Amino acid sequence: MTQWESWHERRSNQPRSRQRCSDKHRLAAPARPRHRVHRPARAWLTDYLAGQLADVVGLVRDSVPASNFYRLRLADRVTTVRGSIEDYALMSRILSEYEIEVIFHLAAQPIVGVANADPVGTLEANITGTWSILDAARRSKRVRAVICASSDKAYGTQTELPYREDAPLIGRHPYDVSKSCADLIAQMYAHTYGVPVAITRCGNFYGGGDLNWNRIVPGTIRSLIDGQRPIIRSDGTMLRDYFYILDAVQAYVMLAERLLAGEVTPGEAYNFSNESPVTVLEIAQRIGKVMRCEHLEPVILNEASNEIPEQYLSAELARTRLGWRPRYSIDEGLLETIAWYRTFFDELAQQPSANTPASPVPAPTTVPPERATVRAGGPGRA
């Protein structure tokens, strides 16, 4: 039995229920077990859950027609509510009215540059948004599990690397502080009020669907497709984890599954990483090599500020306690990601308006079967 089959079968005999998911602009709640989701992860996770016949409820703040939410036609497959994660009354209404059981809280303002320019907006989204959904969950009689997406940024600058889960959370800059606070708030609700919440800490996500061109992976791919040299805003030496989005989906679902089964203690945090950190310059060069554009060397601006020089995670706890492991290497994830963006730009070029793509991208909408064939228990599980 696969991990995904065990999730579906275990829930299939339960009364129909809902889930909820949240992202930077949206709360997406899946269906039967009731959950909630975040960023490009939101669309892939929501797509997976909807594909498992989950009854998804999503909170949508902004409509972005070119986003994966619409390209995967998720608007036709999930219930959507208009509003903001910071609206506590709305969070309470959604959990009550739609009888949410499981929440994937991925909603955040995730961009470091935006956080530096607008710290108040970032703190409101990442901190107020976290306590509003967790306090609504505290008051709910139906919520059985909450997955709260933190970040490697929550650790701040540490003298010992890789980051491990017992390291202090000491963010110093706006985005890092917002994630440290949100992480601690989730722990507070678990330890003080018994809210069944578990925390994920991941590195830099990459994969199809990310339309923030200031990020190194989508920005580099777009530049190379356009025949231009990619831009690196830092000095290129910053060391980071790059985590493929479909591996993140597996991690979120596995942790929720274990939390529901009572195999994870509320308040616990888990790092998820492929444990292969690379520099920003190296990831740009690897993309160039895969795309056969090595002659278009990156332009290094060295303009980044309020960034931590080295950040990477140990996933030993997830490997040993959960039996989790990533299914994609960086190069395998990049191959699928580049294919997604090539199709994306090809479709846009064929449309009369770049804002109204006619059909969804034939990108992987779930973990490929050969990658999902993992056992429900034991060290081979992913």
Protein backbone atom coordinates (compact mmCIF):
# COMPACT_ATOMS: atom_id res chain seq x y z
CA MET A 1 0.00 0.00 0.00
CA THR A 2 1.39 3.43 -0.86
CA GLN A 3 1.49 6.37 1.48
CA TRP A 4 -1.12 8.10 -0.67
CA GLU A 5 -3.35 5.02 -0.77
CA SER A 6 -3.17 4.67 3.00
CA TRP A 7 -4.27 8.28 3.40
CA HIS A 8 -7.19 7.85 1.03
CA GLU A 9 -8.34 4.46 2.30
CA ARG A 10 -8.11 5.38 5.94
CA ARG A 11 -10.29 8.41 5.32
CA SER A 12 -12.71 6.80 2.86
CA ASN A 13 -14.63 5.03 5.62
CA GLN A 14 -15.06 8.20 7.63
CA PRO A 15 -18.02 10.60 7.39
CA ARG A 16 -17.65 13.18 4.65
CA SER A 17 -15.62 16.09 5.94
CA ARG A 18 -13.56 19.03 4.75
CA GLN A 19 -9.99 20.20 4.82
CA ARG A 20 -8.41 23.55 4.47
CA CYS A 21 -5.29 24.95 2.82
CA SER A 22 -3.64 28.38 2.79
CA ASP A 23 -1.05 30.19 0.74
CA LYS A 24 0.33 33.67 0.45
CA HIS A 25 -2.85 34.79 -1.23
CA ARG A 26 -5.10 31.87 -0.49
CA LEU A 27 -6.34 29.41 2.08
CA ALA A 28 -7.11 26.13 0.37
CA ALA A 29 -8.87 23.52 2.36
CA PRO A 30 -9.06 20.02 1.01
CA ALA A 31 -12.12 17.94 1.24
CA ARG A 32 -12.98 14.91 3.32
CA PRO A 33 -10.51 15.14 6.10
CA ARG A 34 -10.58 19.00 6.00
CA HIS A 35 -7.27 20.71 5.54
CA ARG A 36 -5.64 24.00 4.57
CA VAL A 37 -2.57 25.08 2.09
CA HIS A 38 0.40 27.88 0.82
CA ARG A 39 2.30 29.43 -2.29
CA PRO A 40 3.11 27.25 -5.33
CA ALA A 41 2.84 24.45 -2.79
CA ARG A 42 -0.79 25.41 -2.35
CA ALA A 43 -1.76 24.56 -5.89
CA TRP A 44 0.14 21.26 -6.10
CA LEU A 45 -1.05 20.17 -2.66
CA THR A 46 -4.63 21.26 -3.35
CA ASP A 47 -4.50 19.48 -6.71
CA TYR A 48 -3.32 16.29 -5.02
CA LEU A 49 -5.95 16.44 -2.29
CA ALA A 50 -8.74 17.22 -4.74
CA GLY A 51 -7.54 14.28 -6.83
CA GLN A 52 -8.01 12.10 -3.75
CA LEU A 53 -11.65 13.29 -3.63
CA ALA A 54 -10.97 15.57 -0.69
CA ASP A 55 -13.58 18.28 -0.16
CA VAL A 56 -11.30 21.31 -0.41
CA VAL A 57 -12.20 24.75 0.89
CA GLY A 58 -9.90 27.59 -0.17
CA LEU A 59 -9.63 31.17 1.02
CA VAL A 60 -8.67 33.29 -2.00
CA ARG A 61 -7.41 36.83 -1.49
CA ASP A 62 -6.32 37.73 -5.03
CA SER A 63 -7.17 36.23 -8.42
CA VAL A 64 -4.11 35.63 -10.61
CA PRO A 65 -5.37 34.13 -13.91
CA ALA A 66 -1.96 32.76 -14.95
CA SER A 67 -1.41 31.02 -11.62
CA ASN A 68 -1.50 27.26 -11.17
CA PHE A 69 -4.71 27.60 -9.18
CA TYR A 70 -6.51 28.50 -12.40
CA ARG A 71 -4.27 26.61 -14.84
CA LEU A 72 -5.01 23.38 -12.97
CA ARG A 73 -8.69 24.41 -12.95
CA LEU A 74 -8.78 24.17 -9.18
CA ALA A 75 -11.44 26.88 -9.05
CA ASP A 76 -13.79 24.31 -10.59
CA ARG A 77 -12.74 21.57 -8.18
CA VAL A 78 -12.68 23.20 -4.75
CA THR A 79 -14.89 25.52 -2.72
CA THR A 80 -13.46 29.04 -2.52
CA VAL A 81 -14.11 31.81 -0.02
CA ARG A 82 -12.95 35.40 -0.63
CA GLY A 83 -10.99 37.02 2.16
CA SER A 84 -7.74 37.33 4.08
CA ILE A 85 -5.92 35.00 6.46
CA GLU A 86 -5.67 37.84 9.00
CA ASP A 87 -9.47 37.99 9.33
CA TYR A 88 -10.05 36.04 12.54
CA ALA A 89 -13.83 36.14 12.30
CA LEU A 90 -13.67 34.75 8.78
CA MET A 91 -11.28 31.97 9.83
CA SER A 92 -13.69 30.97 12.60
CA ARG A 93 -16.64 31.02 10.22
CA ILE A 94 -14.89 28.85 7.63
CA LEU A 95 -13.81 26.23 10.16
CA SER A 96 -17.31 26.10 11.62
CA GLU A 97 -19.43 26.36 8.50
CA TYR A 98 -17.39 23.94 6.40
CA GLU A 99 -16.63 21.60 9.33
CA ILE A 100 -12.88 21.60 8.69
CA GLU A 101 -10.96 18.71 10.23
CA VAL A 102 -7.40 19.11 8.93
CA ILE A 103 -5.66 22.41 8.20
CA PHE A 104 -2.58 22.94 6.03
CA HIS A 105 -1.48 26.43 7.01
CA LEU A 106 0.91 27.51 4.26
CA ALA A 107 -0.34 31.09 3.97
CA ALA A 108 2.43 33.67 4.18
CA GLN A 109 4.12 36.66 2.64
CA PRO A 110 7.19 34.67 1.52
CA ILE A 111 9.45 37.18 -0.24
CA VAL A 112 12.49 38.57 1.63
CA GLY A 113 12.64 41.72 -0.51
CA VAL A 114 8.97 42.48 0.07
CA ALA A 115 9.49 41.93 3.81
CA ASN A 116 12.36 44.43 3.85
CA ALA A 117 10.25 47.02 2.02
CA ASP A 118 7.01 46.33 3.91
CA PRO A 119 7.76 44.79 7.32
CA VAL A 120 4.34 45.62 8.75
CA GLY A 121 2.48 43.86 5.96
CA THR A 122 4.75 40.85 6.31
CA LEU A 123 4.30 40.67 10.09
CA GLU A 124 0.52 40.96 9.71
CA ALA A 125 0.34 38.17 7.14
CA ASN A 126 2.81 35.79 8.77
CA ILE A 127 2.15 36.41 12.47
CA THR A 128 -1.45 37.63 12.67
CA GLY A 129 -2.41 35.12 9.99
CA THR A 130 -0.89 32.30 12.05
CA TRP A 131 -2.53 33.11 15.37
CA SER A 132 -5.88 33.81 13.72
CA ILE A 133 -6.10 30.37 12.14
CA LEU A 134 -4.65 28.59 15.18
CA ASP A 135 -6.96 30.32 17.62
CA ALA A 136 -9.91 29.52 15.38
CA ALA A 137 -8.69 25.90 15.42
CA ARG A 138 -8.44 26.06 19.22
CA ARG A 139 -12.09 27.03 19.45
CA SER A 140 -13.22 24.47 16.90
CA LYS A 141 -14.51 21.12 18.09
CA ARG A 142 -13.79 19.41 14.76
CA VAL A 143 -10.16 20.22 13.90
CA ARG A 144 -8.04 17.08 14.30
CA ALA A 145 -4.74 18.17 12.76
CA VAL A 146 -2.98 21.37 11.68
CA ILE A 147 0.18 21.44 9.57
CA CYS A 148 1.91 24.79 9.99
CA ALA A 149 4.55 25.66 7.38
CA SER A 150 7.49 27.43 8.97
CA SER A 151 10.83 27.88 7.18
CA ASP A 152 14.57 27.42 7.49
CA LYS A 153 14.61 31.21 7.86
CA ALA A 154 13.07 30.80 11.32
CA TYR A 155 16.44 29.59 12.63
CA GLY A 156 18.21 32.85 11.78
CA THR A 157 22.01 32.93 11.75
CA GLN A 158 23.48 29.91 13.55
CA THR A 159 27.08 28.97 14.34
CA GLU A 160 26.35 25.27 13.79
CA LEU A 161 25.10 23.94 10.46
CA PRO A 162 23.11 22.18 9.20
CA TYR A 163 20.12 23.44 11.16
CA ARG A 164 18.58 20.86 13.47
CA GLU A 165 15.15 21.03 15.06
CA ASP A 166 16.51 21.77 18.55
CA ALA A 167 18.36 24.90 17.41
CA PRO A 168 16.95 28.18 18.81
CA LEU A 169 14.72 30.30 16.57
CA ILE A 170 16.57 33.62 16.39
CA GLY A 171 15.50 35.47 13.27
CA ARG A 172 16.80 39.05 13.10
CA HIS A 173 15.47 40.51 9.84
CA PRO A 174 11.78 41.14 8.97
CA TYR A 175 11.01 37.92 7.11
CA ASP A 176 13.13 35.74 9.40
CA VAL A 177 11.53 37.23 12.53
CA SER A 178 8.04 36.71 11.12
CA LYS A 179 8.77 33.01 10.61
CA SER A 180 10.44 32.60 14.02
CA CYS A 181 7.39 34.16 15.66
CA ALA A 182 4.87 32.11 13.67
CA ASP A 183 6.76 28.93 14.51
CA LEU A 184 6.79 29.75 18.23
CA ILE A 185 3.11 30.70 18.14
CA ALA A 186 2.29 27.28 16.69
CA GLN A 187 4.28 25.63 19.48
CA MET A 188 2.48 27.77 22.05
CA TYR A 189 -0.95 26.66 20.83
CA ALA A 190 0.16 23.03 20.99
CA HIS A 191 1.77 23.11 24.43
CA THR A 192 -0.69 25.49 26.14
CA TYR A 193 -4.02 24.65 24.53
CA GLY A 194 -3.46 21.20 23.10
CA VAL A 195 -4.08 22.28 19.50
CA PRO A 196 -2.99 19.31 17.33
CA VAL A 197 -0.42 21.20 15.28
CA ALA A 198 2.87 19.99 13.75
CA ILE A 199 5.41 22.25 12.06
CA THR A 200 7.37 21.86 8.83
CA ARG A 201 10.64 23.71 8.20
CA CYS A 202 11.80 23.59 4.59
CA GLY A 203 14.33 25.40 2.45
CA ASN A 204 13.75 27.26 -0.82
CA PHE A 205 10.91 25.71 -2.81
CA TYR A 206 11.15 25.45 -6.57
CA GLY A 207 8.88 23.92 -9.19
CA GLY A 208 6.28 24.77 -11.79
CA GLY A 209 3.74 27.43 -10.96
CA ASP A 210 5.98 29.98 -9.24
CA LEU A 211 5.46 33.27 -11.10
CA ASN A 212 7.68 35.38 -8.86
CA TRP A 213 10.44 36.15 -11.32
CA ASN A 214 12.69 37.61 -8.61
CA ARG A 215 13.26 34.06 -7.36
CA ILE A 216 16.42 32.49 -8.69
CA VAL A 217 14.88 29.38 -10.29
CA PRO A 218 11.91 30.83 -12.23
CA GLY A 219 13.82 34.05 -12.96
CA THR A 220 16.80 32.17 -14.40
CA ILE A 221 14.61 29.89 -16.49
CA ARG A 222 12.65 32.81 -17.93
CA SER A 223 15.83 34.73 -18.79
CA LEU A 224 17.38 31.74 -20.55
CA ILE A 225 14.19 31.03 -22.50
CA ASP A 226 14.31 34.69 -23.62
CA GLY A 227 17.96 34.31 -24.62
CA GLN A 228 19.13 36.66 -21.87
CA ARG A 229 21.71 36.35 -19.12
CA PRO A 230 20.06 35.52 -15.78
CA ILE A 231 20.29 37.99 -12.92
CA ILE A 232 21.65 37.13 -9.46
CA ARG A 233 20.84 39.91 -7.00
CA SER A 234 23.27 38.60 -4.33
CA ASP A 235 26.98 37.93 -4.74
CA GLY A 236 26.15 34.36 -5.75
CA THR A 237 27.89 32.70 -2.81
CA MET A 238 24.86 32.26 -0.53
CA LEU A 239 24.42 28.59 0.30
CA ARG A 240 20.85 27.28 0.27
CA ASP A 241 18.64 24.20 0.21
CA TYR A 242 16.49 23.89 -2.92
CA PHE A 243 13.48 21.67 -2.33
CA TYR A 244 11.27 20.42 -5.17
CA ILE A 245 7.61 21.21 -4.68
CA LEU A 246 6.34 17.66 -5.19
CA ASP A 247 8.66 16.46 -2.44
CA ALA A 248 7.09 19.15 -0.25
CA VAL A 249 3.62 17.81 -1.04
CA GLN A 250 4.71 14.36 0.08
CA ALA A 251 6.16 15.81 3.28
CA TYR A 252 3.01 17.77 4.15
CA VAL A 253 0.70 14.82 3.58
CA MET A 254 2.91 12.36 5.44
CA LEU A 255 3.15 14.64 8.48
CA ALA A 256 -0.62 15.18 8.51
CA GLU A 257 -1.13 11.45 8.20
CA ARG A 258 1.17 10.72 11.12
CA LEU A 259 -0.39 13.47 13.23
CA LEU A 260 -3.87 12.04 12.64
CA ALA A 261 -2.59 8.59 13.59
CA GLY A 262 -1.16 9.87 16.88
CA GLU A 263 2.40 9.09 15.77
CA VAL A 264 3.52 12.74 15.96
CA THR A 265 3.30 14.74 19.17
CA PRO A 266 1.55 18.12 18.84
CA GLY A 267 4.09 20.94 18.84
CA GLU A 268 6.82 18.92 17.13
CA ALA A 269 8.75 20.44 14.24
CA TYR A 270 10.41 18.57 11.38
CA ASN A 271 12.99 19.73 8.84
CA PHE A 272 12.46 18.51 5.28
CA SER A 273 15.36 18.78 2.87
CA ASN A 274 17.23 16.85 0.19
CA GLU A 275 20.35 17.71 2.24
CA SER A 276 22.29 18.85 -0.84
CA PRO A 277 22.86 22.59 -0.38
CA VAL A 278 24.25 24.58 -3.31
CA THR A 279 25.17 28.22 -3.88
CA VAL A 280 22.91 30.59 -5.75
CA LEU A 281 25.47 30.82 -8.55
CA GLU A 282 25.66 27.02 -8.78
CA ILE A 283 21.88 26.58 -9.06
CA ALA A 284 21.81 29.16 -11.88
CA GLN A 285 24.65 27.37 -13.63
CA ARG A 286 22.96 23.98 -13.26
CA ILE A 287 19.82 25.40 -14.85
CA GLY A 288 21.93 26.78 -17.69
CA LYS A 289 23.55 23.40 -18.21
CA VAL A 290 20.23 21.54 -18.31
CA MET A 291 18.88 24.11 -20.80
CA ARG A 292 22.13 24.05 -22.83
CA CYS A 293 22.62 27.76 -22.31
CA GLU A 294 25.99 27.74 -20.52
CA HIS A 295 27.14 30.60 -22.76
CA LEU A 296 24.62 32.91 -21.05
CA GLU A 297 26.55 33.46 -17.85
CA PRO A 298 24.71 35.00 -14.86
CA VAL A 299 24.98 38.70 -14.12
CA ILE A 300 25.90 39.12 -10.44
CA LEU A 301 24.50 42.37 -8.99
CA ASN A 302 25.61 41.88 -5.37
CA GLU A 303 22.69 44.02 -4.16
CA ALA A 304 20.99 41.67 -1.68
CA SER A 305 20.58 42.81 1.93
CA ASN A 306 19.27 41.29 5.17
CA GLU A 307 20.02 37.76 3.98
CA ILE A 308 21.73 34.96 5.88
CA PRO A 309 24.91 33.79 4.10
CA GLU A 310 24.49 30.04 4.73
CA GLN A 311 21.26 28.17 5.40
CA TYR A 312 20.70 24.47 5.05
CA LEU A 313 18.85 21.78 6.97
CA SER A 314 19.40 18.35 8.42
CA ALA A 315 16.42 16.09 7.71
CA GLU A 316 17.74 13.33 9.97
CA LEU A 317 14.76 13.53 12.33
CA ALA A 318 12.25 13.16 9.49
CA ARG A 319 14.28 10.28 8.03
CA THR A 320 14.65 8.35 11.26
CA ARG A 321 11.34 9.07 12.98
CA LEU A 322 8.96 9.38 10.02
CA GLY A 323 10.79 7.24 7.47
CA TRP A 324 10.64 10.17 5.06
CA ARG A 325 13.02 10.73 2.18
CA PRO A 326 12.93 12.98 -0.89
CA ARG A 327 12.02 11.37 -4.19
CA TYR A 328 13.75 13.92 -6.43
CA SER A 329 17.36 15.02 -6.78
CA ILE A 330 17.91 18.69 -7.60
CA ASP A 331 18.63 17.88 -11.25
CA GLU A 332 15.51 15.69 -11.56
CA GLY A 333 13.38 18.45 -10.07
CA LEU A 334 14.95 21.03 -12.38
CA LEU A 335 14.20 18.91 -15.45
CA GLU A 336 10.48 18.82 -14.61
CA THR A 337 10.46 22.48 -13.59
CA ILE A 338 12.10 23.66 -16.82
CA ALA A 339 9.64 21.56 -18.85
CA TRP A 340 6.75 23.23 -17.00
CA TYR A 341 8.00 26.75 -17.79
CA ARG A 342 8.71 25.94 -21.43
CA THR A 343 5.11 24.81 -21.83
CA PHE A 344 3.88 27.81 -19.86
CA PHE A 345 5.64 30.33 -22.11
CA ASP A 346 4.76 28.42 -25.29
CA GLU A 347 1.08 28.61 -24.33
CA LEU A 348 1.28 32.30 -23.45
CA ALA A 349 2.86 33.02 -26.84
CA GLN A 350 -0.12 31.39 -28.55
CA GLN A 351 -2.72 33.38 -26.62
CA PRO A 352 -4.16 36.73 -27.70
CA SER A 353 -3.65 37.90 -24.12
CA ALA A 354 -0.85 36.73 -21.83
CA ASN A 355 -3.26 36.99 -18.90
CA THR A 356 -5.78 34.49 -20.22
CA PRO A 357 -4.16 31.16 -21.05
CA ALA A 358 -6.68 28.90 -22.73
CA SER A 359 -5.82 25.53 -21.26
CA PRO A 360 -4.02 24.03 -18.29
CA VAL A 361 -0.37 23.09 -18.56
CA PRO A 362 0.19 19.34 -18.93
CA ALA A 363 2.52 19.38 -15.93
CA PRO A 364 2.71 16.65 -13.29
CA THR A 365 -0.30 17.22 -11.03
CA THR A 366 0.50 14.45 -8.60
CA VAL A 367 3.57 12.57 -7.60
CA PRO A 368 4.32 10.15 -10.47
CA PRO A 369 3.20 6.58 -9.65
CA GLU A 370 6.72 5.21 -9.68
CA ARG A 371 7.74 7.80 -7.10
CA ALA A 372 4.66 7.21 -4.95
CA THR A 373 5.18 3.47 -4.62
CA VAL A 374 6.34 3.61 -1.04
CA ARG A 375 5.12 1.56 1.86
CA ALA A 376 2.82 2.81 4.56
CA GLY A 377 5.48 2.17 7.14
CA GLY A 378 9.17 1.45 7.51
CA PRO A 379 12.33 3.15 6.27
CA GLY A 380 11.33 3.02 2.59
CA ARG A 381 8.38 5.29 3.06
CA ALA A 382 8.45 8.72 1.44
